[in-house]
Structure formats: C-alpha cells, structure tokens
C-alpha atoms as a PDB file:
ATOM      1  CA  MET A   1     -19.372   2.531 -33.543  1.00  0.00           C
ATOM      2  CA  GLN A   2     -17.757   2.366 -30.127  1.00  0.00           C
ATOM      3  CA  THR A   3     -18.875   0.195 -27.210  1.00  0.00           C
ATOM      4  CA  ARG A   4     -17.608   0.415 -23.620  1.00  0.00           C
ATOM      5  CA  ILE A   5     -17.797  -2.080 -20.748  1.00  0.00           C
ATOM      6  CA  GLY A   6     -16.405  -1.839 -17.205  1.00  0.00           C
ATOM      7  CA  LEU A   7     -13.988  -4.454 -15.830  1.00  0.00           C
ATOM      8  CA  HIS A   8     -13.181  -4.504 -12.122  1.00  0.00           C
ATOM      9  CA  ASP A   9      -9.861  -5.948 -10.871  1.00  0.00           C
ATOM     10  CA  LYS A  10     -11.744  -8.686  -9.005  1.00  0.00           C
ATOM     11  CA  HIS A  11     -13.604  -9.880 -12.131  1.00  0.00           C
ATOM     12  CA  HIS A  12     -10.727 -11.930 -13.514  1.00  0.00           C
ATOM     13  CA  LYS A  13      -7.097 -12.709 -12.716  1.00  0.00           C
ATOM     14  CA  ILE A  14      -6.023 -11.281 -16.100  1.00  0.00           C
ATOM     15  CA  ILE A  15      -7.591  -7.916 -15.227  1.00  0.00           C
ATOM     16  CA  LEU A  16      -5.822  -7.924 -11.842  1.00  0.00           C
ATOM     17  CA  LYS A  17      -2.549  -8.891 -13.544  1.00  0.00           C
ATOM     18  CA  LEU A  18      -2.896  -5.942 -15.948  1.00  0.00           C
ATOM     19  CA  SER A  19      -3.559  -3.593 -13.021  1.00  0.00           C
ATOM     20  CA  LYS A  20      -0.545  -4.897 -11.068  1.00  0.00           C
ATOM     21  CA  ARG A  21       1.691  -4.493 -14.091  1.00  0.00           C
ATOM     22  CA  MET A  22       0.489  -0.952 -14.784  1.00  0.00           C
ATOM     23  CA  GLU A  23       0.787  -0.033 -11.099  1.00  0.00           C
ATOM     24  CA  SER A  24       4.453  -1.085 -11.129  1.00  0.00           C
ATOM     25  CA  VAL A  25       5.086   0.935 -14.305  1.00  0.00           C
ATOM     26  CA  VAL A  26       3.337   4.215 -13.390  1.00  0.00           C
ATOM     27  CA  HIS A  27       4.110   4.059  -9.633  1.00  0.00           C
ATOM     28  CA  LEU A  28       0.588   5.084  -8.640  1.00  0.00           C
ATOM     29  CA  ASN A  29      -2.072   3.200  -6.682  1.00  0.00           C
ATOM     30  CA  ILE A  30      -4.503   1.782  -9.217  1.00  0.00           C
ATOM     31  CA  ILE A  31      -5.567  -1.576  -7.765  1.00  0.00           C
ATOM     32  CA  HIS A  32      -8.823  -1.618  -5.799  1.00  0.00           C
ATOM     33  CA  ARG A  33      -7.984  -1.643  -2.110  1.00  0.00           C
ATOM     34  CA  GLU A  34      -9.629  -0.139   0.960  1.00  0.00           C
ATOM     35  CA  MET A  35      -9.261   3.336  -0.531  1.00  0.00           C
ATOM     36  CA  ARG A  36     -10.674   4.232  -3.902  1.00  0.00           C
ATOM     37  CA  SER A  37      -7.681   5.195  -6.011  1.00  0.00           C
ATOM     38  CA  ALA A  38      -8.839   4.381  -9.539  1.00  0.00           C
ATOM     39  CA  GLU A  39     -11.916   3.541 -11.530  1.00  0.00           C
ATOM     40  CA  GLU A  40     -12.406   0.094 -12.998  1.00  0.00           C
ATOM     41  CA  TRP A  41     -10.861  -0.662 -16.386  1.00  0.00           C
ATOM     42  CA  PHE A  42     -13.107   0.330 -19.244  1.00  0.00           C
ATOM     43  CA  ALA A  43     -12.788  -1.736 -22.389  1.00  0.00           C
ATOM     44  CA  GLY A  44     -13.636  -0.016 -25.638  1.00  0.00           C
ATOM     45  CA  VAL A  45     -14.319  -1.594 -29.014  1.00  0.00           C
ATOM     46  CA  TYR A  46     -14.201   0.463 -32.195  1.00  0.00           C
ATOM     47  CA  SER A  47     -15.417  -1.155 -35.413  1.00  0.00           C
ATOM     48  CA  ALA A  48     -14.539   0.269 -38.842  1.00  0.00           C
ATOM     49  CA  GLY A  49     -15.293   3.988 -38.830  1.00  0.00           C
ATOM     50  CA  GLY A  50     -15.398   4.112 -35.013  1.00  0.00           C
ATOM     51  CA  PHE A  51     -14.012   7.268 -33.442  1.00  0.00           C
ATOM     52  CA  TYR A  52     -14.218   9.387 -30.284  1.00  0.00           C
ATOM     53  CA  ASN A  53     -14.586  13.163 -30.289  1.00  0.00           C
ATOM     54  CA  PRO A  54     -12.017  15.471 -28.630  1.00  0.00           C
ATOM     55  CA  HIS A  55     -12.325  15.396 -24.850  1.00  0.00           C
ATOM     56  CA  LEU A  56     -10.471  15.701 -21.551  1.00  0.00           C
ATOM     57  CA  ASP A  57     -10.354  12.806 -19.093  1.00  0.00           C
ATOM     58  CA  ALA A  58     -10.166  15.116 -16.090  1.00  0.00           C
ATOM     59  CA  LEU A  59     -13.510  16.428 -14.944  1.00  0.00           C
ATOM     60  CA  ASN A  60     -14.006  20.159 -15.102  1.00  0.00           C
ATOM     61  CA  ILE A  61     -15.533  20.899 -11.705  1.00  0.00           C
ATOM     62  CA  HIS A  62     -16.845  24.208 -13.020  1.00  0.00           C
ATOM     63  CA  ASP A  63     -18.983  22.373 -15.571  1.00  0.00           C
ATOM     64  CA  GLU A  64     -22.600  22.098 -14.473  1.00  0.00           C
ATOM     65  CA  ASN A  65     -22.926  18.694 -16.206  1.00  0.00           C
ATOM     66  CA  ILE A  66     -20.443  16.732 -14.096  1.00  0.00           C
ATOM     67  CA  PRO A  67     -21.044  13.014 -14.663  1.00  0.00           C
ATOM     68  CA  MET A  68     -21.796  11.096 -11.491  1.00  0.00           C
ATOM     69  CA  VAL A  69     -18.930   8.741 -10.765  1.00  0.00           C
ATOM     70  CA  GLN A  70     -19.594   6.005  -8.225  1.00  0.00           C
ATOM     71  CA  TYR A  71     -17.311   6.206  -5.146  1.00  0.00           C
ATOM     72  CA  PHE A  72     -15.606   9.428  -6.208  1.00  0.00           C
ATOM     73  CA  ASP A  73     -16.501  13.024  -5.488  1.00  0.00           C
ATOM     74  CA  PRO A  74     -15.346  15.324  -8.300  1.00  0.00           C
ATOM     75  CA  ARG A  75     -15.821  18.327  -5.983  1.00  0.00           C
ATOM     76  CA  ASN A  76     -12.902  17.097  -3.833  1.00  0.00           C
ATOM     77  CA  ASP A  77     -10.853  15.041  -6.259  1.00  0.00           C
ATOM     78  CA  ASN A  78     -10.222  14.506  -9.948  1.00  0.00           C
ATOM     79  CA  ARG A  79      -8.771  12.079 -12.462  1.00  0.00           C
ATOM     80  CA  VAL A  80      -5.098  12.874 -12.005  1.00  0.00           C
ATOM     81  CA  ALA A  81      -3.870  10.437 -14.657  1.00  0.00           C
ATOM     82  CA  THR A  82      -4.948   8.094 -17.445  1.00  0.00           C
ATOM     83  CA  ILE A  83      -3.652   4.756 -18.706  1.00  0.00           C
ATOM     84  CA  LEU A  84      -4.766   3.811 -22.216  1.00  0.00           C
ATOM     85  CA  ALA A  85      -3.813   0.294 -23.354  1.00  0.00           C
ATOM     86  CA  TYR A  86      -4.074  -0.986 -26.931  1.00  0.00           C
ATOM     87  CA  HIS A  87      -4.988  -4.642 -27.426  1.00  0.00           C
ATOM     88  CA  THR A  88      -5.149  -4.944 -31.230  1.00  0.00           C
ATOM     89  CA  ASP A  89      -3.417  -3.586 -34.303  1.00  0.00           C
ATOM     90  CA  VAL A  90      -5.613  -1.646 -36.729  1.00  0.00           C
ATOM     91  CA  VAL A  91      -5.295   0.663 -39.679  1.00  0.00           C
ATOM     92  CA  GLY A  92      -6.166   4.199 -38.572  1.00  0.00           C
ATOM     93  CA  GLY A  93      -7.599   4.729 -35.098  1.00  0.00           C
ATOM     94  CA  PHE A  94      -4.760   6.983 -33.935  1.00  0.00           C
ATOM     95  CA  THR A  95      -5.026   8.693 -30.541  1.00  0.00           C
ATOM     96  CA  VAL A  96      -4.412  12.367 -31.217  1.00  0.00           C
ATOM     97  CA  PHE A  97      -3.373  15.103 -28.788  1.00  0.00           C
ATOM     98  CA  ASP A  98      -3.951  17.952 -31.209  1.00  0.00           C
ATOM     99  CA  GLN A  99      -2.709  20.797 -29.006  1.00  0.00           C
ATOM    100  CA  LEU A 100       0.558  18.930 -28.414  1.00  0.00           C
ATOM    101  CA  GLY A 101       0.963  17.843 -32.042  1.00  0.00           C
ATOM    102  CA  ILE A 102       1.087  14.159 -31.051  1.00  0.00           C
ATOM    103  CA  ALA A 103      -0.586  11.235 -32.850  1.00  0.00           C
ATOM    104  CA  VAL A 104      -0.109   7.731 -31.448  1.00  0.00           C
ATOM    105  CA  LYS A 105      -0.642   4.649 -33.602  1.00  0.00           C
ATOM    106  CA  PRO A 106      -2.495   1.840 -31.825  1.00  0.00           C
ATOM    107  CA  THR A 107      -0.118  -1.101 -31.431  1.00  0.00           C
ATOM    108  CA  ALA A 108      -1.199  -4.289 -29.684  1.00  0.00           C
ATOM    109  CA  GLY A 109       0.495  -4.660 -26.294  1.00  0.00           C
ATOM    110  CA  SER A 110       1.412  -0.990 -25.931  1.00  0.00           C
ATOM    111  CA  ALA A 111       0.017   1.634 -23.580  1.00  0.00           C
ATOM    112  CA  LEU A 112      -0.030   5.384 -23.058  1.00  0.00           C
ATOM    113  CA  PHE A 113       0.158   7.137 -19.699  1.00  0.00           C
ATOM    114  CA  TRP A 114      -0.346  10.819 -18.982  1.00  0.00           C
ATOM    115  CA  TYR A 115      -1.161  13.184 -16.132  1.00  0.00           C
ATOM    116  CA  ASN A 116      -4.435  15.067 -16.659  1.00  0.00           C
ATOM    117  CA  LEU A 117      -3.732  17.723 -14.033  1.00  0.00           C
ATOM    118  CA  HIS A 118      -1.015  20.217 -13.308  1.00  0.00           C
ATOM    119  CA  HIS A 119       0.635  19.892  -9.876  1.00  0.00           C
ATOM    120  CA  ASP A 120      -1.643  22.652  -8.587  1.00  0.00           C
ATOM    121  CA  GLY A 121      -4.670  20.472  -9.414  1.00  0.00           C
ATOM    122  CA  MET A 122      -5.814  22.502 -12.406  1.00  0.00           C
ATOM    123  CA  VAL A 123      -6.858  20.623 -15.547  1.00  0.00           C
ATOM    124  CA  ASP A 124      -4.153  20.537 -18.230  1.00  0.00           C
ATOM    125  CA  GLU A 125      -6.215  21.623 -21.239  1.00  0.00           C
ATOM    126  CA  ARG A 126      -3.396  20.617 -23.612  1.00  0.00           C
ATOM    127  CA  LEU A 127      -4.289  16.972 -22.983  1.00  0.00           C
ATOM    128  CA  GLN A 128      -7.541  17.119 -24.887  1.00  0.00           C
ATOM    129  CA  HIS A 129      -7.430  14.060 -27.128  1.00  0.00           C
ATOM    130  CA  SER A 130      -9.523  12.116 -29.589  1.00  0.00           C
ATOM    131  CA  ALA A 131      -9.624   8.750 -31.312  1.00  0.00           C
ATOM    132  CA  CYS A 132      -9.459   9.045 -35.090  1.00  0.00           C
ATOM    133  CA  PRO A 133     -11.697   6.736 -37.131  1.00  0.00           C
ATOM    134  CA  THR A 134     -10.619   3.122 -37.415  1.00  0.00           C
ATOM    135  CA  VAL A 135     -10.129   2.351 -41.106  1.00  0.00           C
ATOM    136  CA  LEU A 136      -9.553  -1.393 -41.108  1.00  0.00           C
ATOM    137  CA  GLY A 137      -9.884  -3.915 -38.281  1.00  0.00           C
ATOM    138  CA  THR A 138     -11.486  -3.816 -34.856  1.00  0.00           C
ATOM    139  CA  LYS A 139      -9.752  -1.629 -32.295  1.00  0.00           C
ATOM    140  CA  TRP A 140      -9.816  -2.977 -28.742  1.00  0.00           C
ATOM    141  CA  ILE A 141      -8.569  -0.657 -26.017  1.00  0.00           C
ATOM    142  CA  SER A 142      -8.857  -0.366 -22.276  1.00  0.00           C
ATOM    143  CA  ASN A 143      -8.349   2.619 -20.072  1.00  0.00           C
ATOM    144  CA  LYS A 144      -8.104   3.281 -16.370  1.00  0.00           C
ATOM    145  CA  TRP A 145      -8.655   6.666 -14.779  1.00  0.00           C
ATOM    146  CA  ILE A 146      -6.555   7.250 -11.682  1.00  0.00           C
ATOM    147  CA  TRP A 147      -7.872   9.618  -9.036  1.00  0.00           C
ATOM    148  CA  GLY A 148      -5.544  12.031  -7.268  1.00  0.00           C
ATOM    149  CA  LYS A 149      -6.589  12.034  -3.627  1.00  0.00           C
ATOM    150  CA  GLU A 150      -5.072   8.615  -2.888  1.00  0.00           C
ATOM    151  CA  GLN A 151      -1.876   9.422  -4.816  1.00  0.00           C
ATOM    152  CA  VAL A 152      -0.683  12.120  -2.424  1.00  0.00           C
ATOM    153  CA  TRP A 153       2.370  10.089  -1.369  1.00  0.00           C
ATOM    154  CA  ARG A 154       2.981   8.510  -4.792  1.00  0.00           C
ATOM    155  CA  ARG A 155       2.800  11.257  -7.426  1.00  0.00           C
ATOM    156  CA  PRO A 156       6.159  12.993  -7.924  1.00  0.00           C
ATOM    157  CA  CYS A 157       6.231  16.527  -6.527  1.00  0.00           C
ATOM    158  CA  ASP A 158       6.966  19.538  -8.660  1.00  0.00           C
ATOM    159  CA  ALA A 159      10.525  20.662  -7.896  1.00  0.00           C
ATOM    160  CA  SER A 160       9.444  24.318  -8.042  1.00  0.00           C
ATOM    161  CA  GLY A 161       7.248  23.852  -4.985  1.00  0.00           C
END
C-alpha cells in the first residue's frame, strides 16, 4: 500500500529547509514565491509490498485525461524536473528507470534529480520509472515536481541551440 500527502513549504520550517537545500543543489526555483515554480512536496509511504507502476512525471498534453493541477496550466507548461528524496532505508523498494537500465536503492538521506523534458519541451519517454515492491520496512519518500515556465533563466541551455 502507498499513501501520499502534500506538504507546502510554509507548513513547517523543516519542509522549507529541505526546499532551500534542494534549490541550492539543483539550481532551479522550487520554493513557493510570487510565481508558481514547483508543486508542494508530496510525502509517500510504502508499507511491505508497496509499489508504484511505471509512469512519467511530466504530463503528456496530448492525453485527454490530464490531471487538474492547482495553479499550473499543463497546456502552457509542464513538470520540467523531479526531485525524489528517500527518508528511510528498506529492503527492496528500488526506483527503476527500465529504459535506461538504472535501478536506485532507497538510502535514507539521499535524493534523485532528473529532467523530465528535453530542451525542446518534449517529454523524455526514457524517464518512465516505477517503484519496486518494498520487501522489508516502511519506505518514506518525498518528491517535488518542478515546473518549467519559471525556470527559463535557471535551467541550463542546450549548447546545440
């Protein structure tokens, strides 16, 4: 089983501290300011056997079932990047990017970061990922989806133009 709850930067100083730290590491705007640059943190809890099916974090704007995301318009913007932080050690529960041949073991205090979109704004399909079943322990994670529109001056440009 997997449960998710949203945590806004203003809810607690620890949440804001995590956002500030991640912002300094990834060099993108992720803290809630005047502009909407990122969604709130989502905490996930996976008990034994908990998993998440293969999916993309970027929204496919050609999909008729676009989820409604408060404050963001997926017709004009998209989730340019993802931060996934691990808060506990467990047996199993790997994050797998099957098309890239990558499996990441959850380790407390570590985090993953990736861009969901190519520089031309198209979804990078190779970044489909899943959470393998947790075998032993309770897996606590949090993730933050970063939207592209407010990153125009922060995201590194593609040298090819």
